[in-house]
């Protein structure tokens, strides 16, 4: 069963650490972020953060799903929860910087490209437009 844990800004998201380590994130996260961890029967399987960029604009950072459970809809679930949280705190736009090879995933959930540098793609999504999920034909 999938459950979730939210960490408020300024708290250490210890349950997120094994997920982030599995994909190579090692630098500390900024303290002014909301962090969400998805758990499968109590074990961390996905994590991501919501950060403040500027008035009405948030960043989705440190997005990760354990390699062993990719393709099971956890990326969709993580993104939906982060977007709903962003909307709930008054954000109007979400941005993400991702490897170019993962940009296709973000396009399927209404992100559009706004810039690129090297191997990374910057993308944005208007908030308040609902959320279409591409997992399990939902």
N, C-alpha and C. Protein backbone atom coordinates (compact mmCIF):
# COMPACT_ATOMS: atom_id res chain seq x y z
N UNK A 1 0.84 -1.17 0.00
CA UNK A 1 0.00 0.00 0.00
C UNK A 1 0.89 1.25 0.00
N UNK A 2 0.55 2.20 -0.87
CA UNK A 2 1.32 3.43 -0.97
C UNK A 2 0.77 4.46 0.01
N UNK A 3 1.66 5.02 0.82
CA UNK A 3 1.33 6.09 1.74
C UNK A 3 2.34 7.22 1.51
N UNK A 4 2.15 8.34 2.18
CA UNK A 4 3.06 9.46 1.98
C UNK A 4 3.39 10.15 3.29
N UNK A 5 4.52 10.83 3.29
CA UNK A 5 4.97 11.64 4.42
C UNK A 5 5.43 12.98 3.85
N UNK A 6 4.90 14.07 4.42
CA UNK A 6 5.34 15.41 4.06
C UNK A 6 6.29 15.93 5.14
N UNK A 7 7.35 16.59 4.71
CA UNK A 7 8.27 17.27 5.61
C UNK A 7 8.14 18.77 5.35
N UNK A 8 7.92 19.53 6.40
CA UNK A 8 7.81 20.98 6.30
C UNK A 8 9.18 21.60 6.07
N UNK A 9 9.19 22.83 5.51
CA UNK A 9 10.47 23.51 5.35
C UNK A 9 11.22 23.58 6.69
N UNK A 10 12.53 23.37 6.62
CA UNK A 10 13.37 23.44 7.81
C UNK A 10 13.53 22.12 8.54
N UNK A 11 12.85 21.05 8.08
CA UNK A 11 13.01 19.74 8.71
C UNK A 11 13.82 18.82 7.81
N UNK A 12 14.52 17.91 8.39
CA UNK A 12 15.37 16.97 7.65
C UNK A 12 14.52 15.80 7.13
N UNK A 13 14.42 15.63 5.81
CA UNK A 13 13.59 14.57 5.24
C UNK A 13 14.33 13.23 5.20
N UNK A 14 14.57 12.67 6.37
CA UNK A 14 15.41 11.47 6.44
C UNK A 14 14.90 10.30 5.60
N UNK A 15 13.58 10.16 5.45
CA UNK A 15 13.06 9.05 4.65
C UNK A 15 13.36 9.23 3.16
N UNK A 16 13.62 10.45 2.73
CA UNK A 16 13.93 10.70 1.31
C UNK A 16 15.36 10.31 0.96
N UNK A 17 16.24 10.29 1.93
CA UNK A 17 17.66 10.10 1.66
C UNK A 17 17.97 8.82 0.88
N UNK A 18 17.40 7.65 1.24
CA UNK A 18 17.75 6.45 0.46
C UNK A 18 17.28 6.52 -0.99
N UNK A 19 16.17 7.17 -1.24
CA UNK A 19 15.69 7.33 -2.62
C UNK A 19 16.65 8.21 -3.39
N UNK A 20 17.01 9.34 -2.81
CA UNK A 20 17.91 10.27 -3.49
C UNK A 20 19.28 9.65 -3.71
N UNK A 21 19.78 8.91 -2.74
CA UNK A 21 21.09 8.27 -2.90
C UNK A 21 21.06 7.25 -4.04
N UNK A 22 19.91 6.59 -4.24
CA UNK A 22 19.81 5.57 -5.28
C UNK A 22 19.93 6.15 -6.69
N UNK A 23 19.66 7.45 -6.83
CA UNK A 23 19.76 8.08 -8.15
C UNK A 23 20.94 9.06 -8.23
N UNK A 24 21.76 9.11 -7.19
CA UNK A 24 22.97 9.90 -7.23
C UNK A 24 22.89 11.31 -6.68
N UNK A 25 21.79 11.69 -6.03
CA UNK A 25 21.73 13.00 -5.39
C UNK A 25 22.50 12.93 -4.08
N UNK A 26 23.47 13.83 -3.91
CA UNK A 26 24.25 13.78 -2.68
C UNK A 26 24.33 15.12 -1.95
N UNK A 27 24.20 16.22 -2.67
CA UNK A 27 24.31 17.53 -2.02
C UNK A 27 23.12 17.76 -1.10
N UNK A 28 23.31 18.51 -0.03
CA UNK A 28 22.19 18.78 0.87
C UNK A 28 21.11 19.61 0.15
N UNK A 29 19.87 19.44 0.59
CA UNK A 29 18.78 20.20 -0.01
C UNK A 29 18.64 21.54 0.71
N UNK A 30 18.10 22.53 0.03
CA UNK A 30 17.84 23.80 0.71
C UNK A 30 16.84 23.59 1.85
N UNK A 31 16.92 24.38 2.89
CA UNK A 31 16.03 24.18 4.03
C UNK A 31 14.63 24.73 3.79
N UNK A 32 14.45 25.59 2.80
CA UNK A 32 13.14 26.21 2.57
C UNK A 32 12.34 25.47 1.51
N UNK A 33 12.18 24.17 1.69
CA UNK A 33 11.41 23.38 0.74
C UNK A 33 10.44 22.46 1.47
N UNK A 34 9.32 22.16 0.81
CA UNK A 34 8.43 21.10 1.25
C UNK A 34 8.93 19.83 0.59
N UNK A 35 9.03 18.74 1.32
CA UNK A 35 9.50 17.48 0.76
C UNK A 35 8.42 16.42 0.95
N UNK A 36 8.18 15.67 -0.10
CA UNK A 36 7.21 14.57 -0.08
C UNK A 36 7.96 13.26 -0.32
N UNK A 37 7.64 12.26 0.50
CA UNK A 37 8.19 10.92 0.32
C UNK A 37 7.02 9.96 0.17
N UNK A 38 7.05 9.14 -0.88
CA UNK A 38 6.07 8.08 -1.05
C UNK A 38 6.66 6.80 -0.51
N UNK A 39 5.84 6.06 0.24
CA UNK A 39 6.27 4.81 0.86
C UNK A 39 5.42 3.66 0.33
N UNK A 40 6.05 2.53 0.07
CA UNK A 40 5.34 1.31 -0.32
C UNK A 40 5.51 0.33 0.83
N UNK A 41 4.43 0.07 1.54
CA UNK A 41 4.47 -0.76 2.75
C UNK A 41 5.55 -0.30 3.72
N UNK A 42 5.66 1.02 3.88
CA UNK A 42 6.58 1.61 4.83
C UNK A 42 7.98 1.88 4.32
N UNK A 43 8.31 1.40 3.12
CA UNK A 43 9.65 1.60 2.56
C UNK A 43 9.63 2.76 1.57
N UNK A 44 10.57 3.71 1.68
CA UNK A 44 10.61 4.84 0.75
C UNK A 44 10.86 4.38 -0.68
N UNK A 45 10.04 4.88 -1.63
CA UNK A 45 10.19 4.50 -3.03
C UNK A 45 10.27 5.70 -3.98
N UNK A 46 9.84 6.87 -3.53
CA UNK A 46 9.88 8.07 -4.37
C UNK A 46 9.94 9.31 -3.48
N UNK A 47 10.56 10.37 -3.99
CA UNK A 47 10.67 11.60 -3.20
C UNK A 47 10.82 12.79 -4.14
N UNK A 48 10.39 13.94 -3.65
CA UNK A 48 10.55 15.17 -4.40
C UNK A 48 10.31 16.37 -3.51
N UNK A 49 10.76 17.53 -3.97
CA UNK A 49 10.64 18.76 -3.19
C UNK A 49 9.96 19.86 -3.99
N UNK A 50 9.34 20.73 -3.24
CA UNK A 50 8.68 21.92 -3.76
C UNK A 50 9.42 23.12 -3.19
N UNK A 51 10.04 23.92 -4.06
CA UNK A 51 10.81 25.07 -3.61
C UNK A 51 10.21 26.36 -4.14
N UNK A 52 10.54 27.45 -3.50
CA UNK A 52 10.06 28.77 -3.90
C UNK A 52 11.06 29.38 -4.86
N UNK A 53 10.57 29.87 -6.01
CA UNK A 53 11.44 30.57 -6.96
C UNK A 53 11.18 32.07 -6.88
N UNK A 54 9.93 32.47 -7.06
CA UNK A 54 9.55 33.88 -6.96
C UNK A 54 8.03 33.93 -6.78
N UNK A 55 7.48 35.12 -6.66
CA UNK A 55 6.05 35.26 -6.40
C UNK A 55 5.23 34.43 -7.39
N UNK A 56 4.52 33.44 -6.87
CA UNK A 56 3.65 32.61 -7.67
C UNK A 56 4.32 31.51 -8.46
N UNK A 57 5.65 31.39 -8.37
CA UNK A 57 6.38 30.38 -9.15
C UNK A 57 7.18 29.48 -8.20
N UNK A 58 6.97 28.19 -8.37
CA UNK A 58 7.71 27.22 -7.55
C UNK A 58 8.55 26.32 -8.44
N UNK A 59 9.52 25.70 -7.82
CA UNK A 59 10.35 24.72 -8.50
C UNK A 59 10.08 23.34 -7.94
N UNK A 60 10.07 22.36 -8.81
CA UNK A 60 9.97 20.97 -8.39
C UNK A 60 11.37 20.39 -8.55
N UNK A 61 11.97 20.01 -7.44
CA UNK A 61 13.37 19.61 -7.43
C UNK A 61 13.54 18.28 -6.70
N UNK A 62 14.70 17.68 -6.94
CA UNK A 62 15.03 16.41 -6.27
C UNK A 62 13.99 15.34 -6.53
N UNK A 63 13.45 15.31 -7.73
CA UNK A 63 12.42 14.33 -8.09
C UNK A 63 13.09 13.00 -8.38
N UNK A 64 12.67 11.95 -7.67
CA UNK A 64 13.30 10.65 -7.85
C UNK A 64 12.35 9.52 -7.51
N UNK A 65 12.45 8.47 -8.30
CA UNK A 65 11.73 7.21 -8.05
C UNK A 65 12.78 6.11 -8.08
N UNK A 66 12.73 5.22 -7.10
CA UNK A 66 13.70 4.12 -7.09
C UNK A 66 13.68 3.40 -8.44
N UNK A 67 14.84 3.10 -9.00
CA UNK A 67 14.88 2.41 -10.29
C UNK A 67 14.08 1.10 -10.30
N UNK A 68 14.04 0.40 -9.19
CA UNK A 68 13.35 -0.90 -9.14
C UNK A 68 11.83 -0.81 -9.24
N UNK A 69 11.26 0.38 -9.07
CA UNK A 69 9.80 0.52 -9.12
C UNK A 69 9.33 1.52 -10.19
N UNK A 70 10.21 1.89 -11.08
CA UNK A 70 9.81 2.81 -12.15
C UNK A 70 8.82 2.10 -13.08
N UNK A 71 7.93 2.88 -13.64
CA UNK A 71 6.92 2.33 -14.53
C UNK A 71 5.66 1.88 -13.82
N UNK A 72 5.58 2.09 -12.52
CA UNK A 72 4.42 1.67 -11.74
C UNK A 72 3.49 2.83 -11.37
N UNK A 73 3.71 4.00 -11.95
CA UNK A 73 2.84 5.15 -11.70
C UNK A 73 3.25 6.00 -10.52
N UNK A 74 4.39 5.70 -9.90
CA UNK A 74 4.81 6.48 -8.74
C UNK A 74 5.27 7.88 -9.12
N UNK A 75 5.86 8.04 -10.29
CA UNK A 75 6.24 9.37 -10.76
C UNK A 75 5.02 10.25 -10.93
N UNK A 76 3.97 9.69 -11.51
CA UNK A 76 2.70 10.43 -11.64
C UNK A 76 2.15 10.81 -10.28
N UNK A 77 2.14 9.86 -9.36
CA UNK A 77 1.59 10.12 -8.02
C UNK A 77 2.39 11.22 -7.32
N UNK A 78 3.70 11.15 -7.43
CA UNK A 78 4.57 12.15 -6.81
C UNK A 78 4.29 13.53 -7.40
N UNK A 79 4.24 13.61 -8.71
CA UNK A 79 4.00 14.89 -9.37
C UNK A 79 2.61 15.45 -9.05
N UNK A 80 1.61 14.61 -9.04
CA UNK A 80 0.26 15.07 -8.73
C UNK A 80 0.20 15.66 -7.33
N UNK A 81 0.78 14.97 -6.36
CA UNK A 81 0.76 15.47 -4.98
C UNK A 81 1.54 16.77 -4.85
N UNK A 82 2.70 16.87 -5.50
CA UNK A 82 3.48 18.11 -5.43
C UNK A 82 2.74 19.26 -6.09
N UNK A 83 2.10 19.01 -7.22
CA UNK A 83 1.34 20.06 -7.91
C UNK A 83 0.14 20.50 -7.08
N UNK A 84 -0.56 19.55 -6.49
CA UNK A 84 -1.70 19.92 -5.63
C UNK A 84 -1.24 20.76 -4.44
N UNK A 85 -0.11 20.41 -3.86
CA UNK A 85 0.44 21.19 -2.74
C UNK A 85 0.80 22.60 -3.21
N UNK A 86 1.45 22.70 -4.36
CA UNK A 86 1.82 24.01 -4.91
C UNK A 86 0.59 24.87 -5.14
N UNK A 87 -0.45 24.29 -5.70
CA UNK A 87 -1.68 25.03 -5.91
C UNK A 87 -2.30 25.45 -4.58
N UNK A 88 -2.23 24.56 -3.60
CA UNK A 88 -2.80 24.84 -2.29
C UNK A 88 -2.12 25.97 -1.54
N UNK A 89 -0.86 26.22 -1.86
CA UNK A 89 -0.16 27.33 -1.20
C UNK A 89 -0.09 28.56 -2.11
N UNK A 90 -0.89 28.55 -3.16
CA UNK A 90 -1.05 29.74 -3.98
C UNK A 90 -0.11 29.91 -5.16
N UNK A 91 0.61 28.87 -5.52
CA UNK A 91 1.50 28.97 -6.67
C UNK A 91 0.69 28.94 -7.97
N UNK A 92 1.16 29.65 -8.97
CA UNK A 92 0.48 29.74 -10.28
C UNK A 92 1.24 29.01 -11.38
N UNK A 93 2.52 28.73 -11.12
CA UNK A 93 3.35 28.08 -12.13
C UNK A 93 4.38 27.19 -11.42
N UNK A 94 4.66 26.04 -12.04
CA UNK A 94 5.71 25.14 -11.54
C UNK A 94 6.77 25.01 -12.62
N UNK A 95 8.01 24.95 -12.18
CA UNK A 95 9.13 24.76 -13.11
C UNK A 95 9.97 23.57 -12.66
N UNK A 96 10.58 22.96 -13.63
CA UNK A 96 11.47 21.83 -13.35
C UNK A 96 12.64 21.90 -14.32
N UNK A 97 13.81 21.53 -13.83
CA UNK A 97 14.97 21.34 -14.68
C UNK A 97 15.28 19.85 -14.61
N UNK A 98 15.28 19.21 -15.77
CA UNK A 98 15.42 17.75 -15.81
C UNK A 98 16.42 17.35 -16.89
N UNK A 99 16.94 16.13 -16.80
CA UNK A 99 17.76 15.63 -17.91
C UNK A 99 16.89 15.58 -19.17
N UNK A 100 17.48 15.90 -20.31
CA UNK A 100 16.70 15.93 -21.56
C UNK A 100 16.00 14.61 -21.84
N UNK A 101 16.59 13.51 -21.41
CA UNK A 101 15.97 12.20 -21.69
C UNK A 101 14.70 11.96 -20.88
N UNK A 102 14.44 12.76 -19.85
CA UNK A 102 13.20 12.60 -19.07
C UNK A 102 12.16 13.67 -19.40
N UNK A 103 12.48 14.57 -20.32
CA UNK A 103 11.54 15.64 -20.67
C UNK A 103 10.22 15.10 -21.20
N UNK A 104 10.24 13.97 -21.86
CA UNK A 104 9.01 13.37 -22.39
C UNK A 104 8.00 13.08 -21.30
N UNK A 105 8.47 12.60 -20.15
CA UNK A 105 7.56 12.35 -19.03
C UNK A 105 6.85 13.64 -18.63
N UNK A 106 7.61 14.71 -18.52
CA UNK A 106 7.02 15.98 -18.08
C UNK A 106 6.06 16.55 -19.13
N UNK A 107 6.35 16.33 -20.42
CA UNK A 107 5.42 16.77 -21.46
C UNK A 107 4.07 16.09 -21.31
N UNK A 108 4.06 14.82 -20.91
CA UNK A 108 2.78 14.09 -20.78
C UNK A 108 1.92 14.63 -19.65
N UNK A 109 2.51 15.39 -18.75
CA UNK A 109 1.71 15.98 -17.66
C UNK A 109 1.69 17.50 -17.77
N UNK A 110 1.66 17.97 -19.02
CA UNK A 110 1.42 19.37 -19.38
C UNK A 110 2.54 20.34 -19.08
N UNK A 111 3.78 19.88 -18.99
CA UNK A 111 4.91 20.79 -18.90
C UNK A 111 5.35 21.13 -20.32
N UNK A 112 5.84 22.35 -20.51
CA UNK A 112 6.36 22.77 -21.80
C UNK A 112 7.78 23.26 -21.63
N UNK A 113 8.55 23.09 -22.67
CA UNK A 113 9.96 23.49 -22.63
C UNK A 113 10.09 25.00 -22.71
N UNK A 114 10.97 25.54 -21.87
CA UNK A 114 11.23 26.98 -21.92
C UNK A 114 12.71 27.30 -22.07
N UNK A 115 13.55 26.31 -22.04
CA UNK A 115 14.98 26.55 -22.20
C UNK A 115 15.76 25.27 -22.06
N UNK A 116 17.00 25.31 -22.49
CA UNK A 116 17.87 24.15 -22.38
C UNK A 116 19.31 24.61 -22.20
N UNK A 117 20.07 23.82 -21.49
CA UNK A 117 21.50 24.08 -21.32
C UNK A 117 22.20 22.74 -21.17
N UNK A 118 23.09 22.45 -22.09
CA UNK A 118 23.81 21.19 -22.03
C UNK A 118 22.87 20.01 -22.12
N UNK A 119 22.94 19.13 -21.13
CA UNK A 119 22.10 17.94 -21.13
C UNK A 119 20.80 18.13 -20.36
N UNK A 120 20.53 19.37 -19.92
CA UNK A 120 19.34 19.64 -19.11
C UNK A 120 18.30 20.45 -19.88
N UNK A 121 17.05 20.20 -19.53
CA UNK A 121 15.91 20.88 -20.12
C UNK A 121 15.16 21.61 -19.01
N UNK A 122 14.85 22.89 -19.21
CA UNK A 122 14.01 23.61 -18.27
C UNK A 122 12.59 23.61 -18.82
N UNK A 123 11.63 23.31 -17.92
CA UNK A 123 10.23 23.19 -18.34
C UNK A 123 9.34 23.92 -17.34
N UNK A 124 8.14 24.31 -17.80
CA UNK A 124 7.19 25.00 -16.94
C UNK A 124 5.80 24.41 -17.16
N UNK A 125 4.96 24.61 -16.15
CA UNK A 125 3.57 24.16 -16.22
C UNK A 125 2.71 25.17 -15.48
N UNK A 126 1.65 25.61 -16.13
CA UNK A 126 0.67 26.45 -15.47
C UNK A 126 -0.05 25.60 -14.42
N UNK A 127 -0.32 26.17 -13.28
CA UNK A 127 -1.04 25.44 -12.24
C UNK A 127 -2.50 25.85 -12.25
N UNK A 128 -3.34 25.03 -11.64
CA UNK A 128 -4.77 25.30 -11.60
C UNK A 128 -5.51 24.79 -12.82
N UNK A 129 -4.87 23.91 -13.61
CA UNK A 129 -5.49 23.40 -14.83
C UNK A 129 -5.88 21.93 -14.71
N UNK A 130 -5.77 21.38 -13.52
CA UNK A 130 -6.05 19.95 -13.34
C UNK A 130 -4.80 19.14 -13.60
N UNK A 131 -4.95 17.82 -13.52
CA UNK A 131 -3.79 16.94 -13.68
C UNK A 131 -4.22 15.71 -14.44
N UNK A 132 -3.60 15.51 -15.59
CA UNK A 132 -3.87 14.27 -16.31
C UNK A 132 -2.76 13.28 -16.01
N UNK A 133 -3.16 12.10 -15.70
CA UNK A 133 -2.24 11.03 -15.32
C UNK A 133 -2.12 10.07 -16.48
N UNK A 134 -0.91 9.67 -16.82
CA UNK A 134 -0.74 8.71 -17.91
C UNK A 134 -0.47 7.30 -17.40
N UNK A 135 -0.60 7.09 -16.09
CA UNK A 135 -0.32 5.77 -15.53
C UNK A 135 -1.57 4.90 -15.56
N UNK A 136 -1.39 3.67 -15.90
CA UNK A 136 -2.46 2.65 -15.83
C UNK A 136 -3.75 3.10 -16.48
N UNK A 137 -3.65 3.89 -17.54
CA UNK A 137 -4.83 4.37 -18.28
C UNK A 137 -5.86 5.04 -17.41
N UNK A 138 -5.43 5.81 -16.43
CA UNK A 138 -6.36 6.50 -15.54
C UNK A 138 -6.76 7.83 -16.10
